[in-house]
N, C-alpha and C. Protein backbone atom coordinates (compact mmCIF):
# COMPACT_ATOMS: atom_id res chain seq x y z
N MET A 1 -18.67 -23.42 -43.63
CA MET A 1 -19.89 -23.52 -42.32
C MET A 1 -19.15 -23.58 -41.29
N LEU A 2 -18.12 -23.85 -41.24
CA LEU A 2 -17.47 -24.17 -39.65
C LEU A 2 -16.95 -22.37 -39.26
N PHE A 3 -16.69 -21.94 -40.67
CA PHE A 3 -16.29 -20.60 -40.23
C PHE A 3 -17.40 -19.56 -39.50
N LEU A 4 -18.33 -19.80 -40.44
CA LEU A 4 -19.92 -19.07 -39.81
C LEU A 4 -20.12 -19.38 -38.63
N VAL A 5 -20.04 -20.71 -37.96
CA VAL A 5 -20.65 -20.77 -36.85
C VAL A 5 -19.95 -20.38 -35.68
N LEU A 6 -18.42 -20.44 -35.88
CA LEU A 6 -17.81 -19.79 -34.92
C LEU A 6 -17.72 -18.10 -34.91
N MET A 7 -18.25 -17.46 -36.05
CA MET A 7 -18.42 -16.20 -35.98
C MET A 7 -19.54 -15.50 -35.20
N VAL A 8 -20.63 -16.47 -35.63
CA VAL A 8 -21.83 -16.24 -34.95
C VAL A 8 -21.86 -16.43 -33.67
N ALA A 9 -21.02 -17.38 -32.70
CA ALA A 9 -21.08 -18.05 -31.42
C ALA A 9 -20.06 -16.82 -30.70
N SER A 10 -19.00 -16.45 -31.46
CA SER A 10 -18.26 -15.50 -30.96
C SER A 10 -18.98 -14.06 -30.77
N ALA A 11 -19.92 -13.68 -31.65
CA ALA A 11 -20.55 -12.37 -31.75
C ALA A 11 -21.68 -12.49 -30.68
N CYS A 12 -22.08 -13.69 -30.30
CA CYS A 12 -23.45 -13.89 -29.53
C CYS A 12 -22.76 -14.32 -27.89
N GLY A 13 -21.64 -14.77 -27.54
CA GLY A 13 -20.88 -14.69 -26.58
C GLY A 13 -20.43 -13.72 -25.48
N LEU A 14 -20.69 -13.31 -24.43
CA LEU A 14 -19.67 -12.40 -23.78
C LEU A 14 -18.91 -13.17 -23.09
N ALA A 15 -17.57 -13.06 -22.95
CA ALA A 15 -16.66 -13.47 -22.40
C ALA A 15 -15.99 -12.73 -21.09
N GLN A 16 -16.28 -11.38 -21.32
CA GLN A 16 -16.37 -10.32 -20.33
C GLN A 16 -17.11 -9.26 -20.58
N SER A 17 -17.68 -8.78 -19.05
CA SER A 17 -18.59 -7.86 -19.28
C SER A 17 -17.70 -6.40 -19.74
N PRO A 18 -18.41 -5.64 -20.35
CA PRO A 18 -17.77 -4.40 -20.84
C PRO A 18 -17.83 -3.72 -19.75
N ASP A 19 -16.33 -2.54 -19.31
CA ASP A 19 -16.15 -1.69 -18.24
C ASP A 19 -17.15 -0.74 -18.29
N THR A 20 -17.97 -0.16 -19.05
CA THR A 20 -18.95 0.79 -19.14
C THR A 20 -19.95 0.13 -18.10
N LEU A 21 -20.48 -0.91 -17.75
CA LEU A 21 -21.43 -1.61 -16.95
C LEU A 21 -21.06 -1.49 -15.60
N ARG A 22 -19.54 -1.51 -15.36
CA ARG A 22 -19.10 -0.78 -13.57
C ARG A 22 -19.10 0.29 -13.43
N PRO A 23 -19.44 0.82 -12.48
CA PRO A 23 -19.07 2.31 -11.58
C PRO A 23 -17.39 2.10 -11.83
N PRO A 24 -17.05 3.69 -12.16
CA PRO A 24 -16.07 3.96 -12.01
C PRO A 24 -15.16 3.47 -10.89
N PRO A 25 -13.94 3.68 -10.66
CA PRO A 25 -13.49 3.41 -9.13
C PRO A 25 -13.42 4.65 -8.40
N ARG A 26 -13.71 4.43 -7.06
CA ARG A 26 -13.65 5.52 -6.55
C ARG A 26 -12.32 6.00 -5.75
N ASP A 27 -11.63 7.07 -6.57
CA ASP A 27 -10.51 7.62 -6.14
C ASP A 27 -10.68 8.42 -5.36
N TRP A 28 -9.56 8.77 -4.20
CA TRP A 28 -9.24 9.41 -2.97
C TRP A 28 -7.91 9.94 -2.67
N LEU A 29 -7.98 10.68 -1.98
CA LEU A 29 -6.69 11.49 -1.36
C LEU A 29 -6.58 11.68 0.05
N LYS A 30 -6.00 11.53 1.00
CA LYS A 30 -5.71 11.83 2.54
C LYS A 30 -4.41 12.57 2.61
N ASP A 31 -4.59 13.93 3.34
CA ASP A 31 -3.25 14.12 3.81
C ASP A 31 -3.48 14.37 5.38
N GLU A 32 -2.61 13.97 6.14
CA GLU A 32 -2.45 13.66 7.32
C GLU A 32 -1.32 13.95 8.28
N LEU A 33 -1.71 14.76 9.30
CA LEU A 33 -0.82 14.51 10.20
C LEU A 33 -0.32 13.23 11.17
N THR A 34 0.74 12.39 10.99
CA THR A 34 0.68 11.36 11.52
C THR A 34 1.67 11.16 12.65
N LEU A 35 1.64 10.10 13.31
CA LEU A 35 2.62 9.40 14.63
C LEU A 35 3.06 8.27 13.94
N LEU A 36 4.27 8.08 13.72
CA LEU A 36 5.15 6.92 12.71
C LEU A 36 5.78 6.04 14.23
N THR A 37 5.09 4.78 14.15
CA THR A 37 5.77 4.15 14.96
C THR A 37 6.55 2.83 14.29
N GLY A 38 7.47 2.31 14.73
CA GLY A 38 8.28 1.55 13.94
C GLY A 38 9.15 0.29 14.84
N TYR A 39 9.37 -0.94 14.52
CA TYR A 39 10.31 -1.54 14.89
C TYR A 39 11.65 -2.13 13.78
N HIS A 40 12.76 -1.95 14.23
CA HIS A 40 13.92 -2.60 13.56
C HIS A 40 14.47 -3.54 14.06
N GLN A 41 14.89 -4.80 13.22
CA GLN A 41 15.34 -6.06 14.03
C GLN A 41 16.55 -6.24 12.99
N GLY A 42 17.56 -6.30 13.53
CA GLY A 42 18.70 -6.84 13.01
C GLY A 42 19.43 -7.66 13.98
N ARG A 43 20.84 -7.27 14.33
CA ARG A 43 21.37 -8.29 15.25
C ARG A 43 20.85 -7.21 16.82
N PHE A 44 20.56 -6.20 16.49
CA PHE A 44 19.95 -5.79 18.06
C PHE A 44 18.46 -5.07 17.48
N ALA A 45 18.00 -4.95 18.57
CA ALA A 45 16.28 -4.52 18.30
C ALA A 45 15.81 -2.91 18.53
N PHE A 46 15.75 -2.22 17.82
CA PHE A 46 15.40 -0.79 17.88
C PHE A 46 13.91 -0.39 17.98
N ALA A 47 13.26 0.53 18.43
CA ALA A 47 11.96 0.78 18.74
C ALA A 47 11.86 2.28 18.12
N GLU A 48 11.13 2.86 17.32
CA GLU A 48 11.17 4.13 16.76
C GLU A 48 9.52 4.84 17.01
N LEU A 49 9.87 6.11 17.05
CA LEU A 49 8.47 6.73 17.39
C LEU A 49 8.68 8.37 16.61
N GLY A 50 8.14 8.78 16.00
CA GLY A 50 8.25 10.18 15.44
C GLY A 50 6.85 10.79 14.75
N ILE A 51 7.08 11.89 14.46
CA ILE A 51 6.08 12.70 14.12
C ILE A 51 6.46 12.90 12.30
N GLY A 52 4.95 13.18 11.71
CA GLY A 52 5.37 13.53 9.85
C GLY A 52 3.95 13.57 9.34
N ARG A 53 4.23 13.42 8.18
CA ARG A 53 3.19 14.09 7.33
C ARG A 53 2.64 13.07 6.15
N SER A 54 1.94 12.43 6.31
CA SER A 54 1.38 11.33 4.99
C SER A 54 0.37 11.65 4.17
N ILE A 55 0.87 11.70 2.72
CA ILE A 55 -0.35 11.68 1.70
C ILE A 55 -0.22 10.70 1.06
N HIS A 56 -1.72 9.94 1.35
CA HIS A 56 -1.81 8.82 0.74
C HIS A 56 -3.34 8.64 -0.15
N GLY A 57 -3.43 7.59 -0.65
CA GLY A 57 -4.79 7.53 -1.48
C GLY A 57 -4.83 6.36 -2.41
N VAL A 58 -6.32 6.45 -3.25
CA VAL A 58 -6.08 5.64 -4.45
C VAL A 58 -6.44 6.52 -5.60
N VAL A 59 -5.37 6.46 -6.62
CA VAL A 59 -5.53 6.86 -7.97
C VAL A 59 -5.54 5.93 -8.74
N ARG A 60 -6.31 4.91 -9.37
CA ARG A 60 -6.17 3.74 -10.22
C ARG A 60 -5.50 2.81 -8.98
N HIS A 61 -4.25 2.74 -8.42
CA HIS A 61 -3.79 1.99 -7.51
C HIS A 61 -3.54 2.59 -6.16
N PRO A 62 -3.45 2.17 -5.22
CA PRO A 62 -2.90 2.50 -3.77
C PRO A 62 -1.66 3.07 -3.65
N PHE A 63 -1.28 4.00 -2.98
CA PHE A 63 -0.01 4.84 -2.92
C PHE A 63 0.06 5.61 -1.64
N GLY A 64 1.45 5.94 -1.28
CA GLY A 64 2.00 6.74 -0.13
C GLY A 64 2.98 7.32 0.02
N ILE A 65 2.94 8.52 0.30
CA ILE A 65 4.26 9.31 0.49
C ILE A 65 3.99 10.00 1.75
N GLY A 66 5.26 9.81 2.62
CA GLY A 66 5.37 10.25 3.90
C GLY A 66 6.89 10.84 4.13
N TYR A 67 6.95 11.75 4.90
CA TYR A 67 8.30 12.15 5.60
C TYR A 67 8.06 12.65 7.27
N HIS A 68 9.12 12.53 7.88
CA HIS A 68 8.95 12.23 9.26
C HIS A 68 10.30 12.83 9.91
N ILE A 69 10.21 13.26 11.40
CA ILE A 69 11.25 13.51 12.22
C ILE A 69 11.07 12.56 13.15
N GLY A 70 12.21 12.11 14.02
CA GLY A 70 11.82 11.17 15.18
C GLY A 70 12.84 10.67 15.92
N ALA A 71 12.76 9.43 16.42
CA ALA A 71 13.95 8.94 17.29
C ALA A 71 13.57 7.55 17.23
N GLU A 72 14.80 7.15 17.49
CA GLU A 72 14.45 5.42 17.74
C GLU A 72 15.55 5.23 18.99
N ALA A 73 15.02 3.92 19.71
CA ALA A 73 15.88 3.61 20.66
C ALA A 73 16.25 2.15 20.94
N ARG A 74 17.48 1.74 21.53
CA ARG A 74 17.83 0.64 21.14
C ARG A 74 16.92 -0.30 22.65
N VAL A 75 16.05 -1.43 22.27
CA VAL A 75 15.26 -1.91 23.31
C VAL A 75 16.02 -2.77 24.52
N ASP A 76 17.30 -2.86 24.52
CA ASP A 76 17.88 -3.20 25.75
C ASP A 76 19.04 -2.50 26.20
N ARG A 77 19.14 -1.40 25.37
CA ARG A 77 19.93 -0.22 26.14
C ARG A 77 19.49 1.20 25.50
N PRO A 78 18.41 1.63 26.19
CA PRO A 78 17.93 2.82 25.96
C PRO A 78 18.44 3.86 25.86
N SER A 79 20.01 3.76 26.28
CA SER A 79 20.79 5.26 26.56
C SER A 79 21.27 5.27 24.87
N LEU A 80 21.14 4.68 23.88
CA LEU A 80 21.73 4.62 22.90
C LEU A 80 20.34 5.22 21.93
N ILE A 81 20.60 6.02 21.45
CA ILE A 81 19.28 6.89 20.90
C ILE A 81 19.80 7.54 19.27
N GLY A 82 18.96 7.41 18.48
CA GLY A 82 18.96 7.64 17.01
C GLY A 82 18.07 8.90 16.88
N TRP A 83 18.47 10.08 16.58
CA TRP A 83 17.66 11.25 15.76
C TRP A 83 17.66 10.98 14.29
N LYS A 84 16.44 11.33 13.90
CA LYS A 84 16.19 10.70 12.55
C LYS A 84 15.25 11.74 12.10
N VAL A 85 15.78 11.86 10.57
CA VAL A 85 14.82 12.46 9.39
C VAL A 85 14.76 11.78 8.12
N GLY A 86 13.58 11.27 7.83
CA GLY A 86 13.15 10.85 6.61
C GLY A 86 12.03 10.54 5.66
N GLY A 87 12.08 9.94 4.87
CA GLY A 87 10.83 9.92 4.05
C GLY A 87 10.67 8.49 3.17
N TYR A 88 9.74 8.70 2.67
CA TYR A 88 9.38 7.04 2.07
C TYR A 88 8.39 7.16 1.15
N MET A 89 8.00 6.00 0.04
CA MET A 89 6.81 6.39 -0.91
C MET A 89 6.63 4.61 -0.81
N THR A 90 5.10 3.98 -1.21
CA THR A 90 4.51 3.19 -1.08
C THR A 90 3.71 3.46 -2.23
N ALA A 91 3.72 1.81 -3.06
CA ALA A 91 2.67 1.67 -3.83
C ALA A 91 2.73 0.21 -4.39
N GLY A 92 2.76 -0.67 -3.56
CA GLY A 92 2.70 -2.08 -3.40
C GLY A 92 4.18 -2.43 -3.18
N PHE A 93 5.33 -1.61 -3.61
CA PHE A 93 6.64 -1.72 -2.98
C PHE A 93 6.79 -0.53 -2.06
N ALA A 94 7.84 -0.43 -1.48
CA ALA A 94 8.32 0.50 -0.60
C ALA A 94 10.00 0.97 -0.73
N MET A 95 9.99 2.33 -0.90
CA MET A 95 11.02 2.68 -0.63
C MET A 95 11.35 3.78 0.13
N GLY A 96 12.53 3.84 0.78
CA GLY A 96 12.73 5.45 1.28
C GLY A 96 14.16 5.64 1.71
N ALA A 97 14.47 6.64 2.34
CA ALA A 97 15.86 6.97 3.11
C ALA A 97 15.68 7.81 4.38
N GLN A 98 16.65 7.75 5.21
CA GLN A 98 16.75 8.16 6.26
C GLN A 98 18.13 8.54 6.91
N VAL A 99 18.36 9.51 7.53
CA VAL A 99 19.68 10.13 8.06
C VAL A 99 19.30 10.09 9.54
N ILE A 100 20.11 9.25 10.31
CA ILE A 100 20.10 9.29 11.88
C ILE A 100 21.42 9.65 12.13
N ARG A 101 21.34 10.02 13.21
CA ARG A 101 22.38 10.63 13.87
C ARG A 101 22.19 10.04 15.61
N TYR A 102 23.33 9.00 15.93
CA TYR A 102 22.97 7.90 17.13
C TYR A 102 24.19 8.78 18.08
N GLN A 103 23.69 8.58 19.22
CA GLN A 103 24.44 9.13 20.73
C GLN A 103 24.28 8.16 21.76
N GLU A 104 25.02 8.09 22.35
CA GLU A 104 25.28 7.26 23.44
C GLU A 104 26.18 8.09 24.28
N GLY A 105 25.96 8.66 25.40
CA GLY A 105 27.11 9.65 26.20
C GLY A 105 27.21 10.83 25.15
N ARG A 106 28.96 10.66 25.21
CA ARG A 106 29.53 11.71 24.33
C ARG A 106 29.86 11.03 23.04
N GLU A 107 29.73 9.84 22.89
CA GLU A 107 29.63 8.75 21.56
C GLU A 107 28.64 9.28 20.52
N GLY A 108 29.02 9.43 19.29
CA GLY A 108 28.09 9.91 18.26
C GLY A 108 28.63 9.39 16.97
N CYS A 109 27.67 9.13 15.87
CA CYS A 109 28.01 8.70 14.69
C CYS A 109 26.83 9.11 13.76
N THR A 110 27.07 9.33 12.35
CA THR A 110 25.65 9.55 11.49
C THR A 110 25.83 8.71 10.79
N VAL A 111 24.40 8.36 10.43
CA VAL A 111 24.53 7.14 9.10
C VAL A 111 23.28 7.57 8.33
N LEU A 112 23.45 7.14 6.81
CA LEU A 112 22.28 7.25 5.95
C LEU A 112 21.60 5.48 5.85
N ARG A 113 20.50 5.80 5.68
CA ARG A 113 19.72 4.32 6.06
C ARG A 113 18.97 4.16 4.69
N PRO A 114 18.94 3.69 3.53
CA PRO A 114 18.18 3.16 2.29
C PRO A 114 17.46 2.42 2.80
N GLU A 115 16.38 2.26 2.12
CA GLU A 115 15.34 0.78 2.58
C GLU A 115 14.39 0.67 1.21
N VAL A 116 14.34 -0.70 1.39
CA VAL A 116 13.71 -1.22 0.21
C VAL A 116 12.34 -2.56 0.63
N GLY A 117 11.31 -2.43 0.37
CA GLY A 117 10.47 -3.65 0.67
C GLY A 117 9.44 -3.33 -0.07
N ILE A 118 8.19 -4.19 0.66
CA ILE A 118 6.51 -4.02 0.47
C ILE A 118 6.05 -2.87 1.08
N GLY A 119 5.06 -2.23 0.74
CA GLY A 119 4.37 -1.32 1.28
C GLY A 119 3.12 -0.92 0.55
N ILE A 120 2.26 -0.28 1.39
CA ILE A 120 1.07 0.01 0.92
C ILE A 120 0.15 1.17 1.81
N LEU A 121 -0.11 2.18 1.17
CA LEU A 121 -0.67 3.37 1.90
C LEU A 121 0.28 4.29 3.50
N LYS A 122 -0.09 3.69 4.47
CA LYS A 122 1.04 4.03 5.38
C LYS A 122 1.98 2.83 6.22
N ALA A 123 1.40 1.79 5.66
CA ALA A 123 2.31 0.69 6.19
C ALA A 123 3.46 0.34 5.15
N LYS A 124 4.43 -0.29 5.84
CA LYS A 124 5.78 -0.80 5.29
C LYS A 124 6.64 -1.55 5.89
N VAL A 125 6.90 -2.87 4.79
CA VAL A 125 8.05 -3.62 5.90
C VAL A 125 9.13 -3.62 4.77
N THR A 126 10.25 -3.13 5.37
CA THR A 126 11.70 -3.17 4.75
C THR A 126 12.85 -3.74 5.10
N TYR A 127 13.69 -3.46 4.19
CA TYR A 127 15.04 -4.07 4.40
C TYR A 127 15.97 -2.81 4.50
N ALA A 128 16.89 -2.63 5.26
CA ALA A 128 17.38 -1.18 5.41
C ALA A 128 18.89 -1.57 5.93
N TYR A 129 19.96 -0.75 5.57
CA TYR A 129 21.04 -0.84 5.51
C TYR A 129 21.68 0.45 6.22
N ASN A 130 22.42 0.67 6.94
CA ASN A 130 23.02 1.52 7.74
C ASN A 130 24.16 1.86 7.02
N ILE A 131 24.38 2.96 6.58
CA ILE A 131 25.94 3.36 5.40
C ILE A 131 26.19 4.63 6.43
N ASN A 132 27.77 4.06 7.09
CA ASN A 132 28.25 5.06 7.94
C ASN A 132 28.92 6.22 6.97
N LEU A 133 28.30 7.62 7.66
CA LEU A 133 29.08 8.95 7.37
C LEU A 133 30.15 9.18 8.14
N SER A 134 30.20 8.82 9.17
CA SER A 134 31.42 9.29 10.23
C SER A 134 32.49 8.73 10.32
N PRO A 135 33.77 9.11 10.66
CA PRO A 135 34.90 8.47 10.77
C PRO A 135 34.80 7.35 11.98
N SER A 136 34.15 7.26 12.81
CA SER A 136 34.10 6.51 13.83
C SER A 136 32.76 5.56 13.54
N ARG A 137 32.37 4.68 14.32
CA ARG A 137 30.76 4.17 14.63
C ARG A 137 30.73 3.95 15.97
N VAL A 138 29.45 4.03 16.63
CA VAL A 138 29.20 3.90 17.59
C VAL A 138 28.98 2.26 18.00
N PRO A 139 29.25 1.43 18.76
CA PRO A 139 29.08 -0.15 18.86
C PRO A 139 27.78 0.04 19.19
N GLY A 140 27.07 -1.32 18.73
CA GLY A 140 25.86 -1.66 19.13
C GLY A 140 25.08 -1.18 18.20
N ILE A 141 25.00 -0.64 17.06
CA ILE A 141 24.36 -0.30 15.74
C ILE A 141 24.45 -1.44 14.80
N ASN A 142 23.31 -1.46 14.31
CA ASN A 142 23.13 -2.85 13.24
C ASN A 142 23.39 -2.41 12.10
N ALA A 143 24.02 -3.13 10.96
CA ALA A 143 24.67 -2.82 9.86
C ALA A 143 23.40 -2.76 8.91
N HIS A 144 22.41 -3.91 9.00
CA HIS A 144 21.56 -4.16 8.24
C HIS A 144 20.12 -4.65 8.99
N MET A 145 19.23 -4.60 8.53
CA MET A 145 17.92 -4.94 9.32
C MET A 145 16.76 -5.03 8.58
N VAL A 146 15.75 -5.30 9.47
CA VAL A 146 14.22 -5.62 8.69
C VAL A 146 13.17 -4.94 9.37
N SER A 147 12.90 -3.94 8.69
CA SER A 147 11.93 -2.92 9.53
C SER A 147 10.27 -3.12 9.29
N ILE A 148 9.67 -2.87 10.24
CA ILE A 148 8.02 -2.47 9.84
C ILE A 148 7.53 -1.27 10.50
N ALA A 149 6.89 -0.49 9.89
CA ALA A 149 6.72 0.69 10.31
C ALA A 149 5.08 1.10 9.96
N TYR A 150 4.45 1.73 10.68
CA TYR A 150 3.07 2.19 10.67
C TYR A 150 2.89 3.82 10.68
N ALA A 151 2.01 4.64 9.91
CA ALA A 151 1.94 5.91 10.53
C ALA A 151 0.22 5.99 10.77
N TRP A 152 0.41 6.60 12.12
CA TRP A 152 -1.04 6.66 12.96
C TRP A 152 -1.83 7.65 12.65
N ARG A 153 -2.73 8.04 12.27
CA ARG A 153 -3.37 9.44 11.88
C ARG A 153 -3.49 10.16 13.24
N VAL A 154 -2.84 11.51 13.41
CA VAL A 154 -3.32 12.29 14.47
C VAL A 154 -4.42 13.22 14.05
N ALA A 155 -4.34 13.97 12.93
CA ALA A 155 -5.22 15.09 12.55
C ALA A 155 -5.17 14.81 11.30
N LEU A 156 -6.19 15.24 9.99
CA LEU A 156 -6.49 15.25 9.21
C LEU A 156 -6.58 16.42 8.48
N LEU A 157 -5.46 16.50 7.69
CA LEU A 157 -5.02 18.05 7.12
C LEU A 157 -6.08 18.28 5.72
N GLN A 158 -6.17 17.44 5.06
CA GLN A 158 -7.31 17.68 4.02
C GLN A 158 -7.77 16.46 3.23
N ARG A 159 -8.95 16.34 2.79
CA ARG A 159 -9.26 14.70 2.15
C ARG A 159 -9.99 15.46 0.88
N THR A 160 -9.65 14.65 -0.13
CA THR A 160 -10.61 15.14 -1.59
C THR A 160 -10.90 13.76 -2.00
């Protein structure tokens, strides 16, 4: 008897509404020309400005892919400039890499900066580490840092 009551109760009860009652998610994709702005804080503070391309959207989950060229300068010593090229991807997590050529007067060095953190669409907060690729290193460059970046739309290239 108890078995029959439980079967009838479970057949009549709606614990979760069926997925067919909800409209399907609205998937979208944007391809943009962007102005990348960023701030990197380690022992020294650096500000970043660059131009790039961002492809981002929602296909079940939000994601973003971007690449850029630009420069970063030390905030308290603007004569120390890093020319950079890099890329990243976001999908709740963020990961990317940049190659940077730091210059100050005649001194210079090249670093590879992998980064990992959190990000969604065109925004990211990451931990980054500069790996020296040159035999010498310009003084005043961070070994590791926390970075925050956002890619502002300049022009919409394609929308679907």
